[in-house]
Amino acid sequence: GIITKIMVRPRPGHAALAHLVIRHHETQIAPSTEKMDFAGDAFPIDWEEYYESYQPPYELKLVGWNEDDTYPHTFTVYVAVLPRKAIVAYAVVDAIKGVLGMLSPKRIFTGSS
């Protein structure tokens, strides 16, 4: 399938002491830059993604670590995976919308009289 969206939710109280990376086949896919990681304190980290995965194992590995020596911390992670057919259908609809948008005139109102 194709990963289309990833949402990472640090729990309140992390104080950026807990860290997370997402790997597929031991390759870091999120954040997309090696040596970087997710950290934060309650603010959601969401983004649109396009990552194809057709080779087993069909698993992601979440690697987390905690620099807080007093409290444990966790992340909640959501991943949207769609089949290739769904992506192609969405691309066709998006292209049609783009063509129709070019055909319909847009009016710009400046607000001056």
PDB file of N, CA and C in Angstrom:
ATOM      1  N   GLY A   1       0.808  -1.185   0.000  1.00  0.00           N
ATOM      2  CA  GLY A   1       0.000   0.000   0.000  1.00  0.00           C
ATOM      3  C   GLY A   1       0.853   1.251   0.000  1.00  0.00           C
ATOM      4  N   ILE A   2       0.193   2.358   0.067  1.00  0.00           N
ATOM      5  CA  ILE A   2       0.862   3.658   0.051  1.00  0.00           C
ATOM      6  C   ILE A   2       0.486   4.417   1.316  1.00  0.00           C
ATOM      7  N   ILE A   3       1.494   4.805   2.072  1.00  0.00           N
ATOM      8  CA  ILE A   3       1.261   5.630   3.260  1.00  0.00           C
ATOM      9  C   ILE A   3       0.968   7.039   2.776  1.00  0.00           C
ATOM     10  N   THR A   4      -0.194   7.568   3.152  1.00  0.00           N
ATOM     11  CA  THR A   4      -0.606   8.889   2.678  1.00  0.00           C
ATOM     12  C   THR A   4      -0.625   9.950   3.770  1.00  0.00           C
ATOM     13  N   LYS A   5      -0.652   9.536   5.021  1.00  0.00           N
ATOM     14  CA  LYS A   5      -0.667  10.518   6.110  1.00  0.00           C
ATOM     15  C   LYS A   5      -0.096   9.864   7.359  1.00  0.00           C
ATOM     16  N   ILE A   6       0.680  10.646   8.103  1.00  0.00           N
ATOM     17  CA  ILE A   6       1.200  10.202   9.394  1.00  0.00           C
ATOM     18  C   ILE A   6       0.883  11.281  10.418  1.00  0.00           C
ATOM     19  N   MET A   7       0.392  10.844  11.572  1.00  0.00           N
ATOM     20  CA  MET A   7       0.071  11.767  12.664  1.00  0.00           C
ATOM     21  C   MET A   7       0.759  11.265  13.928  1.00  0.00           C
ATOM     22  N   VAL A   8       1.595  12.093  14.507  1.00  0.00           N
ATOM     23  CA  VAL A   8       2.316  11.756  15.734  1.00  0.00           C
ATOM     24  C   VAL A   8       1.785  12.653  16.838  1.00  0.00           C
ATOM     25  N   ARG A   9       1.403  12.034  17.951  1.00  0.00           N
ATOM     26  CA  ARG A   9       0.838  12.781  19.075  1.00  0.00           C
ATOM     27  C   ARG A   9       1.703  12.580  20.325  1.00  0.00           C
ATOM     28  N   PRO A  10       2.592  13.531  20.622  1.00  0.00           N
ATOM     29  CA  PRO A  10       3.283  13.458  21.906  1.00  0.00           C
ATOM     30  C   PRO A  10       2.264  13.686  23.021  1.00  0.00           C
ATOM     31  N   ARG A  11       2.401  12.997  24.102  1.00  0.00           N
ATOM     32  CA  ARG A  11       1.488  13.177  25.231  1.00  0.00           C
ATOM     33  C   ARG A  11       1.914  14.398  26.043  1.00  0.00           C
ATOM     34  N   PRO A  12       0.968  15.070  26.688  1.00  0.00           N
ATOM     35  CA  PRO A  12       1.327  16.222  27.526  1.00  0.00           C
ATOM     36  C   PRO A  12       2.331  15.825  28.608  1.00  0.00           C
ATOM     37  N   GLY A  13       3.285  16.705  28.855  1.00  0.00           N
ATOM     38  CA  GLY A  13       4.278  16.464  29.888  1.00  0.00           C
ATOM     39  C   GLY A  13       5.601  15.940  29.373  1.00  0.00           C
ATOM     40  N   HIS A  14       5.709  15.719  28.078  1.00  0.00           N
ATOM     41  CA  HIS A  14       6.971  15.212  27.518  1.00  0.00           C
ATOM     42  C   HIS A  14       8.128  16.176  27.746  1.00  0.00           C
ATOM     43  N   ALA A  15       7.836  17.472  27.625  1.00  0.00           N
ATOM     44  CA  ALA A  15       8.874  18.511  27.720  1.00  0.00           C
ATOM     45  C   ALA A  15      10.024  18.226  26.747  1.00  0.00           C
ATOM     46  N   ALA A  16       9.693  17.651  25.609  1.00  0.00           N
ATOM     47  CA  ALA A  16      10.658  17.313  24.549  1.00  0.00           C
ATOM     48  C   ALA A  16      11.741  16.348  25.026  1.00  0.00           C
ATOM     49  N   LEU A  17      11.437  15.560  26.047  1.00  0.00           N
ATOM     50  CA  LEU A  17      12.404  14.586  26.563  1.00  0.00           C
ATOM     51  C   LEU A  17      12.224  13.201  25.949  1.00  0.00           C
ATOM     52  N   ALA A  18      11.079  12.949  25.341  1.00  0.00           N
ATOM     53  CA  ALA A  18      10.841  11.674  24.665  1.00  0.00           C
ATOM     54  C   ALA A  18      11.025  11.894  23.164  1.00  0.00           C
ATOM     55  N   HIS A  19      11.575  10.903  22.478  1.00  0.00           N
ATOM     56  CA  HIS A  19      11.910  11.030  21.061  1.00  0.00           C
ATOM     57  C   HIS A  19      11.398   9.812  20.307  1.00  0.00           C
ATOM     58  N   LEU A  20      11.158   9.999  19.005  1.00  0.00           N
ATOM     59  CA  LEU A  20      10.591   8.929  18.189  1.00  0.00           C
ATOM     60  C   LEU A  20      11.065   9.060  16.750  1.00  0.00           C
ATOM     61  N   VAL A  21      11.360   7.925  16.120  1.00  0.00           N
ATOM     62  CA  VAL A  21      11.569   7.856  14.674  1.00  0.00           C
ATOM     63  C   VAL A  21      10.750   6.682  14.151  1.00  0.00           C
ATOM     64  N   ILE A  22      10.389   6.739  12.871  1.00  0.00           N
ATOM     65  CA  ILE A  22       9.627   5.669  12.232  1.00  0.00           C
ATOM     66  C   ILE A  22      10.506   5.056  11.151  1.00  0.00           C
ATOM     67  N   ARG A  23      10.628   3.731  11.187  1.00  0.00           N
ATOM     68  CA  ARG A  23      11.484   3.012  10.244  1.00  0.00           C
ATOM     69  C   ARG A  23      10.677   1.978   9.454  1.00  0.00           C
ATOM     70  N   HIS A  24      11.130   1.736   8.229  1.00  0.00           N
ATOM     71  CA  HIS A  24      10.597   0.660   7.394  1.00  0.00           C
ATOM     72  C   HIS A  24      11.798  -0.078   6.828  1.00  0.00           C
ATOM     73  N   HIS A  25      11.895  -1.382   7.083  1.00  0.00           N
ATOM     74  CA  HIS A  25      13.065  -2.179   6.675  1.00  0.00           C
ATOM     75  C   HIS A  25      14.365  -1.540   7.168  1.00  0.00           C
ATOM     76  N   GLU A  26      14.379  -1.071   8.382  1.00  0.00           N
ATOM     77  CA  GLU A  26      15.547  -0.440   9.020  1.00  0.00           C
ATOM     78  C   GLU A  26      15.948   0.889   8.393  1.00  0.00           C
ATOM     79  N   THR A  27      15.170   1.398   7.449  1.00  0.00           N
ATOM     80  CA  THR A  27      15.418   2.717   6.868  1.00  0.00           C
ATOM     81  C   THR A  27      14.504   3.717   7.546  1.00  0.00           C
ATOM     82  N   GLN A  28      15.057   4.812   8.016  1.00  0.00           N
ATOM     83  CA  GLN A  28      14.241   5.840   8.660  1.00  0.00           C
ATOM     84  C   GLN A  28      13.409   6.549   7.604  1.00  0.00           C
ATOM     85  N   ILE A  29      12.076   6.521   7.774  1.00  0.00           N
ATOM     86  CA  ILE A  29      11.196   7.197   6.818  1.00  0.00           C
ATOM     87  C   ILE A  29      10.573   8.451   7.409  1.00  0.00           C
ATOM     88  N   ALA A  30      10.580   8.582   8.745  1.00  0.00           N
ATOM     89  CA  ALA A  30      10.025   9.784   9.361  1.00  0.00           C
ATOM     90  C   ALA A  30      10.718  10.030  10.696  1.00  0.00           C
ATOM     91  N   PRO A  31      11.200  11.227  10.931  1.00  0.00           N
ATOM     92  CA  PRO A  31      11.392  12.281   9.944  1.00  0.00           C
ATOM     93  C   PRO A  31      12.271  11.782   8.792  1.00  0.00           C
ATOM     94  N   SER A  32      12.099  12.399   7.642  1.00  0.00           N
ATOM     95  CA  SER A  32      12.774  11.902   6.446  1.00  0.00           C
ATOM     96  C   SER A  32      14.278  12.155   6.467  1.00  0.00           C
ATOM     97  N   THR A  33      14.750  12.995   7.357  1.00  0.00           N
ATOM     98  CA  THR A  33      16.176  13.279   7.478  1.00  0.00           C
ATOM     99  C   THR A  33      16.780  12.425   8.587  1.00  0.00           C
ATOM    100  N   GLU A  34      17.777  11.619   8.244  1.00  0.00           N
ATOM    101  CA  GLU A  34      18.469  10.802   9.247  1.00  0.00           C
ATOM    102  C   GLU A  34      19.033  11.704  10.342  1.00  0.00           C
ATOM    103  N   LYS A  35      19.166  11.169  11.513  1.00  0.00           N
ATOM    104  CA  LYS A  35      19.697  11.851  12.699  1.00  0.00           C
ATOM    105  C   LYS A  35      18.717  12.857  13.288  1.00  0.00           C
ATOM    106  N   MET A  36      17.534  13.000  12.693  1.00  0.00           N
ATOM    107  CA  MET A  36      16.489  13.846  13.275  1.00  0.00           C
ATOM    108  C   MET A  36      15.455  12.937  13.917  1.00  0.00           C
ATOM    109  N   ASP A  37      14.654  13.483  14.842  1.00  0.00           N
ATOM    110  CA  ASP A  37      13.612  12.702  15.497  1.00  0.00           C
ATOM    111  C   ASP A  37      12.459  13.615  15.870  1.00  0.00           C
ATOM    112  N   PHE A  38      11.337  12.990  16.235  1.00  0.00           N
ATOM    113  CA  PHE A  38      10.185  13.735  16.718  1.00  0.00           C
ATOM    114  C   PHE A  38      10.308  13.904  18.223  1.00  0.00           C
ATOM    115  N   ALA A  39      10.009  15.092  18.689  1.00  0.00           N
ATOM    116  CA  ALA A  39       9.950  15.374  20.120  1.00  0.00           C
ATOM    117  C   ALA A  39       8.982  16.537  20.276  1.00  0.00           C
ATOM    118  N   GLY A  40       8.438  16.715  21.437  1.00  0.00           N
ATOM    119  CA  GLY A  40       7.516  17.825  21.641  1.00  0.00           C
ATOM    120  C   GLY A  40       6.792  17.687  22.950  1.00  0.00           C
ATOM    121  N   ASP A  41       5.728  18.456  23.094  1.00  0.00           N
ATOM    122  CA  ASP A  41       4.940  18.413  24.317  1.00  0.00           C
ATOM    123  C   ASP A  41       3.488  18.722  23.985  1.00  0.00           C
ATOM    124  N   ALA A  42       2.739  17.728  23.584  1.00  0.00           N
ATOM    125  CA  ALA A  42       1.297  17.789  23.365  1.00  0.00           C
ATOM    126  C   ALA A  42       0.864  18.366  22.021  1.00  0.00           C
ATOM    127  N   PHE A  43       1.716  19.074  21.284  1.00  0.00           N
ATOM    128  CA  PHE A  43       1.287  19.619  20.001  1.00  0.00           C
ATOM    129  C   PHE A  43       1.343  18.526  18.940  1.00  0.00           C
ATOM    130  N   PRO A  44       0.267  18.368  18.158  1.00  0.00           N
ATOM    131  CA  PRO A  44       0.248  17.313  17.139  1.00  0.00           C
ATOM    132  C   PRO A  44       1.261  17.582  16.026  1.00  0.00           C
ATOM    133  N   ILE A  45       1.826  16.522  15.507  1.00  0.00           N
ATOM    134  CA  ILE A  45       2.758  16.590  14.383  1.00  0.00           C
ATOM    135  C   ILE A  45       2.118  15.773  13.264  1.00  0.00           C
ATOM    136  N   ASP A  46       1.518  16.457  12.282  1.00  0.00           N
ATOM    137  CA  ASP A  46       0.786  15.804  11.190  1.00  0.00           C
ATOM    138  C   ASP A  46       1.367  16.238   9.854  1.00  0.00           C
ATOM    139  N   TRP A  47       1.381  15.329   8.893  1.00  0.00           N
ATOM    140  CA  TRP A  47       1.786  15.708   7.549  1.00  0.00           C
ATOM    141  C   TRP A  47       1.272  14.694   6.538  1.00  0.00           C
ATOM    142  N   GLU A  48       1.132  15.186   5.312  1.00  0.00           N
ATOM    143  CA  GLU A  48       0.769  14.327   4.189  1.00  0.00           C
ATOM    144  C   GLU A  48       2.043  13.625   3.728  1.00  0.00           C
ATOM    145  N   GLU A  49       1.914  12.383   3.350  1.00  0.00           N
ATOM    146  CA  GLU A  49       3.073  11.571   2.989  1.00  0.00           C
ATOM    147  C   GLU A  49       2.764  10.821   1.700  1.00  0.00           C
ATOM    148  N   TYR A  50       3.779  10.401   1.005  1.00  0.00           N
ATOM    149  CA  TYR A  50       3.628   9.467  -0.109  1.00  0.00           C
ATOM    150  C   TYR A  50       4.795   8.497  -0.022  1.00  0.00           C
ATOM    151  N   TYR A  51       4.538   7.335   0.550  1.00  0.00           N
ATOM    152  CA  TYR A  51       5.577   6.320   0.718  1.00  0.00           C
ATOM    153  C   TYR A  51       4.994   4.975   0.316  1.00  0.00           C
ATOM    154  N   GLU A  52       5.543   4.385  -0.748  1.00  0.00           N
ATOM    155  CA  GLU A  52       5.045   3.107  -1.250  1.00  0.00           C
ATOM    156  C   GLU A  52       5.745   1.953  -0.546  1.00  0.00           C
ATOM    157  N   SER A  53       4.961   0.940  -0.183  1.00  0.00           N
ATOM    158  CA  SER A  53       5.509  -0.251   0.461  1.00  0.00           C
ATOM    159  C   SER A  53       4.833  -1.482  -0.133  1.00  0.00           C
ATOM    160  N   TYR A  54       5.575  -2.207  -0.956  1.00  0.00           N
ATOM    161  CA  TYR A  54       5.027  -3.412  -1.573  1.00  0.00           C
ATOM    162  C   TYR A  54       5.851  -4.654  -1.249  1.00  0.00           C
ATOM    163  N   GLN A  55       6.884  -4.504  -0.432  1.00  0.00           N
ATOM    164  CA  GLN A  55       7.740  -5.633  -0.070  1.00  0.00           C
ATOM    165  C   GLN A  55       7.501  -6.031   1.380  1.00  0.00           C
ATOM    166  N   PRO A  56       7.235  -7.312   1.642  1.00  0.00           N
ATOM    167  CA  PRO A  56       7.091  -7.735   3.031  1.00  0.00           C
ATOM    168  C   PRO A  56       8.432  -7.621   3.758  1.00  0.00           C
ATOM    169  N   PRO A  57       8.430  -7.452   5.043  1.00  0.00           N
ATOM    170  CA  PRO A  57       7.259  -7.417   5.921  1.00  0.00           C
ATOM    171  C   PRO A  57       6.561  -6.059   5.832  1.00  0.00           C
ATOM    172  N   TYR A  58       5.250  -6.094   5.890  1.00  0.00           N
ATOM    173  CA  TYR A  58       4.450  -4.871   5.807  1.00  0.00           C
ATOM    174  C   TYR A  58       4.311  -4.284   7.202  1.00  0.00           C
ATOM    175  N   GLU A  59       5.413  -3.871   7.758  1.00  0.00           N
ATOM    176  CA  GLU A  59       5.422  -3.358   9.121  1.00  0.00           C
ATOM    177  C   GLU A  59       6.276  -2.106   9.195  1.00  0.00           C
ATOM    178  N   LEU A  60       5.891  -1.236  10.096  1.00  0.00           N
ATOM    179  CA  LEU A  60       6.720  -0.089  10.444  1.00  0.00           C
ATOM    180  C   LEU A  60       7.268  -0.337  11.837  1.00  0.00           C
ATOM    181  N   LYS A  61       8.454   0.139  12.079  1.00  0.00           N
ATOM    182  CA  LYS A  61       9.049   0.017  13.407  1.00  0.00           C
ATOM    183  C   LYS A  61       9.131   1.418  14.012  1.00  0.00           C
ATOM    184  N   LEU A  62       8.502   1.587  15.173  1.00  0.00           N
ATOM    185  CA  LEU A  62       8.587   2.848  15.900  1.00  0.00           C
ATOM    186  C   LEU A  62       9.702   2.701  16.928  1.00  0.00           C
ATOM    187  N   VAL A  63      10.706   3.545  16.818  1.00  0.00           N
ATOM    188  CA  VAL A  63      11.837   3.504  17.740  1.00  0.00           C
ATOM    189  C   VAL A  63      11.755   4.742  18.621  1.00  0.00           C
ATOM    190  N   GLY A  64      11.576   4.523  19.906  1.00  0.00           N
ATOM    191  CA  GLY A  64      11.451   5.638  20.836  1.00  0.00           C
ATOM    192  C   GLY A  64      12.455   5.541  21.964  1.00  0.00           C
ATOM    193  N   TRP A  65      12.803   6.678  22.510  1.00  0.00           N
ATOM    194  CA  TRP A  65      13.670   6.711  23.679  1.00  0.00           C
ATOM    195  C   TRP A  65      13.298   7.911  24.538  1.00  0.00           C
ATOM    196  N   ASN A  66      13.679   7.831  25.791  1.00  0.00           N
ATOM    197  CA  ASN A  66      13.257   8.807  26.783  1.00  0.00           C
ATOM    198  C   ASN A  66      14.479   9.318  27.538  1.00  0.00           C
ATOM    199  N   GLU A  67      14.658  10.625  27.575  1.00  0.00           N
ATOM    200  CA  GLU A  67      15.762  11.232  28.314  1.00  0.00           C
ATOM    201  C   GLU A  67      15.359  11.621  29.733  1.00  0.00           C
ATOM    202  N   ASP A  68      14.090  11.415  30.072  1.00  0.00           N
ATOM    203  CA  ASP A  68      13.589  11.755  31.407  1.00  0.00           C
ATOM    204  C   ASP A  68      13.883  10.587  32.349  1.00  0.00           C
ATOM    205  N   ASP A  69      14.642  10.843  33.397  1.00  0.00           N
ATOM    206  CA  ASP A  69      14.993   9.765  34.321  1.00  0.00           C
ATOM    207  C   ASP A  69      13.965   9.582  35.436  1.00  0.00           C
ATOM    208  N   THR A  70      12.880  10.375  35.394  1.00  0.00           N
ATOM    209  CA  THR A  70      11.870  10.304  36.453  1.00  0.00           C
ATOM    210  C   THR A  70      10.558   9.697  35.971  1.00  0.00           C
ATOM    211  N   TYR A  71      10.072  10.120  34.791  1.00  0.00           N
ATOM    212  CA  TYR A  71       8.752   9.706  34.322  1.00  0.00           C
ATOM    213  C   TYR A  71       8.841   8.979  32.983  1.00  0.00           C
ATOM    214  N   PRO A  72       7.982   7.977  32.781  1.00  0.00           N
ATOM    215  CA  PRO A  72       7.892   7.346  31.456  1.00  0.00           C
ATOM    216  C   PRO A  72       7.048   8.227  30.528  1.00  0.00           C
ATOM    217  N   HIS A  73       7.309   8.163  29.252  1.00  0.00           N
ATOM    218  CA  HIS A  73       6.548   8.940  28.270  1.00  0.00           C
ATOM    219  C   HIS A  73       6.217   8.054  27.076  1.00  0.00           C
ATOM    220  N   THR A  74       5.087   8.352  26.420  1.00  0.00           N
ATOM    221  CA  THR A  74       4.676   7.594  25.243  1.00  0.00           C
ATOM    222  C   THR A  74       4.185   8.534  24.154  1.00  0.00           C
ATOM    223  N   PHE A  75       4.131   8.019  22.940  1.00  0.00           N
ATOM    224  CA  PHE A  75       3.565   8.712  21.792  1.00  0.00           C
ATOM    225  C   PHE A  75       2.369   7.910  21.305  1.00  0.00           C
ATOM    226  N   THR A  76       1.424   8.588  20.681  1.00  0.00           N
ATOM    227  CA  THR A  76       0.370   7.930  19.926  1.00  0.00           C
ATOM    228  C   THR A  76       0.644   8.246  18.459  1.00  0.00           C
ATOM    229  N   VAL A  77       0.633   7.218  17.610  1.00  0.00           N
ATOM    230  CA  VAL A  77       0.954   7.401  16.197  1.00  0.00           C
ATOM    231  C   VAL A  77      -0.167   6.802  15.354  1.00  0.00           C
ATOM    232  N   TYR A  78      -0.636   7.575  14.369  1.00  0.00           N
ATOM    233  CA  TYR A  78      -1.650   7.115  13.420  1.00  0.00           C
ATOM    234  C   TYR A  78      -1.027   7.137  12.026  1.00  0.00           C
ATOM    235  N   VAL A  79      -1.304   6.101  11.245  1.00  0.00           N
ATOM    236  CA  VAL A  79      -0.774   6.010   9.887  1.00  0.00           C
ATOM    237  C   VAL A  79      -1.919   5.634   8.952  1.00  0.00           C
ATOM    238  N   ALA A  80      -2.112   6.418   7.886  1.00  0.00           N
ATOM    239  CA  ALA A  80      -3.131   6.110   6.874  1.00  0.00           C
ATOM    240  C   ALA A  80      -2.444   5.431   5.694  1.00  0.00           C
ATOM    241  N   VAL A  81      -2.919   4.226   5.359  1.00  0.00           N
ATOM    242  CA  VAL A  81      -2.367   3.460   4.239  1.00  0.00           C
ATOM    243  C   VAL A  81      -3.505   3.173   3.263  1.00  0.00           C
ATOM    244  N   LEU A  82      -3.302   3.527   2.008  1.00  0.00           N
ATOM    245  CA  LEU A  82      -4.314   3.294   0.976  1.00  0.00           C
ATOM    246  C   LEU A  82      -3.753   2.374  -0.102  1.00  0.00           C
ATOM    247  N   PRO A  83      -4.630   1.594  -0.749  1.00  0.00           N
ATOM    248  CA  PRO A  83      -4.165   0.793  -1.887  1.00  0.00           C
ATOM    249  C   PRO A  83      -3.883   1.695  -3.083  1.00  0.00           C
ATOM    250  N   ARG A  84      -3.030   1.237  -3.976  1.00  0.00           N
ATOM    251  CA  ARG A  84      -2.661   2.032  -5.157  1.00  0.00           C
ATOM    252  C   ARG A  84      -3.894   2.487  -5.942  1.00  0.00           C
ATOM    253  N   LYS A  85      -4.918   1.631  -6.052  1.00  0.00           N
ATOM    254  CA  LYS A  85      -6.131   1.984  -6.802  1.00  0.00           C
ATOM    255  C   LYS A  85      -6.783   3.242  -6.243  1.00  0.00           C
ATOM    256  N   ALA A  86      -6.806   3.387  -4.941  1.00  0.00           N
ATOM    257  CA  ALA A  86      -7.421   4.564  -4.328  1.00  0.00           C
ATOM    258  C   ALA A  86      -6.639   5.822  -4.666  1.00  0.00           C
ATOM    259  N   ILE A  87      -5.323   5.734  -4.720  1.00  0.00           N
ATOM    260  CA  ILE A  87      -4.483   6.887  -5.042  1.00  0.00           C
ATOM    261  C   ILE A  87      -4.702   7.309  -6.483  1.00  0.00           C
ATOM    262  N   VAL A  88      -4.777   6.342  -7.397  1.00  0.00           N
ATOM    263  CA  VAL A  88      -4.995   6.654  -8.812  1.00  0.00           C
ATOM    264  C   VAL A  88      -6.344   7.334  -8.995  1.00  0.00           C
ATOM    265  N   ALA A  89      -7.389   6.820  -8.354  1.00  0.00           N
ATOM    266  CA  ALA A  89      -8.717   7.432  -8.464  1.00  0.00           C
ATOM    267  C   ALA A  89      -8.695   8.858  -7.931  1.00  0.00           C
ATOM    268  N   TYR A  90      -8.030   9.082  -6.817  1.00  0.00           N
ATOM    269  CA  TYR A  90      -7.932  10.428  -6.245  1.00  0.00           C
ATOM    270  C   TYR A  90      -7.193  11.368  -7.198  1.00  0.00           C
ATOM    271  N   ALA A  91      -6.124  10.889  -7.834  1.00  0.00           N
ATOM    272  CA  ALA A  91      -5.359  11.717  -8.765  1.00  0.00           C
ATOM    273  C   ALA A  91      -6.203  12.106  -9.972  1.00  0.00           C
ATOM    274  N   VAL A  92      -7.035  11.184 -10.470  1.00  0.00           N
ATOM    275  CA  VAL A  92      -7.907  11.483 -11.609  1.00  0.00           C
ATOM    276  C   VAL A  92      -8.927  12.552 -11.222  1.00  0.00           C
ATOM    277  N   VAL A  93      -9.549  12.404 -10.068  1.00  0.00           N
ATOM    278  CA  VAL A  93     -10.526  13.397  -9.601  1.00  0.00           C
ATOM    279  C   VAL A  93      -9.855  14.750  -9.427  1.00  0.00           C
ATOM    280  N   ASP A  94      -8.660  14.776  -8.863  1.00  0.00           N
ATOM    281  CA  ASP A  94      -7.933  16.021  -8.652  1.00  0.00           C
ATOM    282  C   ASP A  94      -7.597  16.688  -9.987  1.00  0.00           C
ATOM    283  N   ALA A  95      -7.207  15.897 -10.994  1.00  0.00           N
ATOM    284  CA  ALA A  95      -6.895  16.441 -12.314  1.00  0.00           C
ATOM    285  C   ALA A  95      -8.137  17.035 -12.969  1.00  0.00           C
ATOM    286  N   ILE A  96      -9.272  16.357 -12.840  1.00  0.00           N
ATOM    287  CA  ILE A  96     -10.526  16.875 -13.404  1.00  0.00           C
ATOM    288  C   ILE A  96     -10.907  18.183 -12.727  1.00  0.00           C
ATOM    289  N   LYS A  97     -10.773  18.252 -11.425  1.00  0.00           N
ATOM    290  CA  LYS A  97     -11.063  19.499 -10.707  1.00  0.00           C
ATOM    291  C   LYS A  97     -10.165  20.628 -11.202  1.00  0.00           C
ATOM    292  N   GLY A  98      -8.899  20.312 -11.463  1.00  0.00           N
ATOM    293  CA  GLY A  98      -7.968  21.324 -11.953  1.00  0.00           C
ATOM    294  C   GLY A  98      -8.371  21.850 -13.317  1.00  0.00           C
ATOM    295  N   VAL A  99      -8.781  20.952 -14.211  1.00  0.00           N
ATOM    296  CA  VAL A  99      -9.213  21.365 -15.552  1.00  0.00           C
ATOM    297  C   VAL A  99     -10.479  22.201 -15.457  1.00  0.00           C
ATOM    298  N   LEU A 100     -11.444  21.752 -14.663  1.00  0.00           N
ATOM    299  CA  LEU A 100     -12.686  22.515 -14.517  1.00  0.00           C
ATOM    300  C   LEU A 100     -12.425  23.862 -13.870  1.00  0.00           C
ATOM    301  N   GLY A 101     -11.480  23.923 -12.964  1.00  0.00           N
ATOM    302  CA  GLY A 101     -11.131  25.192 -12.328  1.00  0.00           C
ATOM    303  C   GLY A 101     -10.544  26.174 -13.322  1.00  0.00           C
ATOM    304  N   MET A 102      -9.779  25.667 -14.305  1.00  0.00           N
ATOM    305  CA  MET A 102      -9.204  26.552 -15.320  1.00  0.00           C
ATOM    306  C   MET A 102     -10.276  27.059 -16.270  1.00  0.00           C
ATOM    307  N   LEU A 103     -11.336  26.273 -16.468  1.00  0.00           N
ATOM    308  CA  LEU A 103     -12.391  26.667 -17.396  1.00  0.00           C
ATOM    309  C   LEU A 103     -13.351  27.677 -16.794  1.00  0.00           C
ATOM    310  N   SER A 104     -13.509  27.659 -15.491  1.00  0.00           N
ATOM    311  CA  SER A 104     -14.440  28.609 -14.879  1.00  0.00           C
ATOM    312  C   SER A 104     -13.683  29.872 -14.479  1.00  0.00           C
ATOM    313  N   PRO A 105     -14.202  31.038 -14.879  1.00  0.00           N
ATOM    314  CA  PRO A 105     -13.497  32.293 -14.577  1.00  0.00           C
ATOM    315  C   PRO A 105     -13.532  32.594 -13.079  1.00  0.00           C
ATOM    316  N   LYS A 106     -12.462  33.159 -12.609  1.00  0.00           N
ATOM    317  CA  LYS A 106     -12.396  33.579 -11.215  1.00  0.00           C
ATOM    318  C   LYS A 106     -12.475  35.098 -11.185  1.00  0.00           C
ATOM    319  N   ARG A 107     -13.229  35.598 -10.254  1.00  0.00           N
ATOM    320  CA  ARG A 107     -13.363  37.039 -10.124  1.00  0.00           C
ATOM    321  C   ARG A 107     -12.573  37.492  -8.911  1.00  0.00           C
ATOM    322  N   ILE A 108     -11.883  38.586  -9.079  1.00  0.00           N
ATOM    323  CA  ILE A 108     -11.123  39.155  -7.976  1.00  0.00           C
ATOM    324  C   ILE A 108     -11.770  40.479  -7.614  1.00  0.00           C
ATOM    325  N   PHE A 109     -12.203  40.587  -6.376  1.00  0.00           N
ATOM    326  CA  PHE A 109     -12.831  41.814  -5.903  1.00  0.00           C
ATOM    327  C   PHE A 109     -11.822  42.579  -5.069  1.00  0.00           C
ATOM    328  N   THR A 110     -11.601  43.814  -5.437  1.00  0.00           N
ATOM    329  CA  THR A 110     -10.607  44.620  -4.727  1.00  0.00           C
ATOM    330  C   THR A 110     -11.213  45.373  -3.562  1.00  0.00           C
ATOM    331  N   GLY A 111     -12.508  45.493  -3.522  1.00  0.00           N
ATOM    332  CA  GLY A 111     -13.163  46.194  -2.427  1.00  0.00           C
ATOM    333  C   GLY A 111     -13.222  47.702  -2.633  1.00  0.00           C
ATOM    334  N   SER A 112     -12.654  48.220  -3.718  1.00  0.00           N
ATOM    335  CA  SER A 112     -12.718  49.670  -3.958  1.00  0.00           C
ATOM    336  C   SER A 112     -13.981  49.996  -4.745  1.00  0.00           C
ATOM    337  N   SER A 113     -14.498  51.207  -4.546  1.00  0.00           N
ATOM    338  CA  SER A 113     -15.725  51.586  -5.247  1.00  0.00           C
ATOM    339  C   SER A 113     -15.482  52.607  -6.315  1.00  0.00           C
TER     340      SER A 113
END
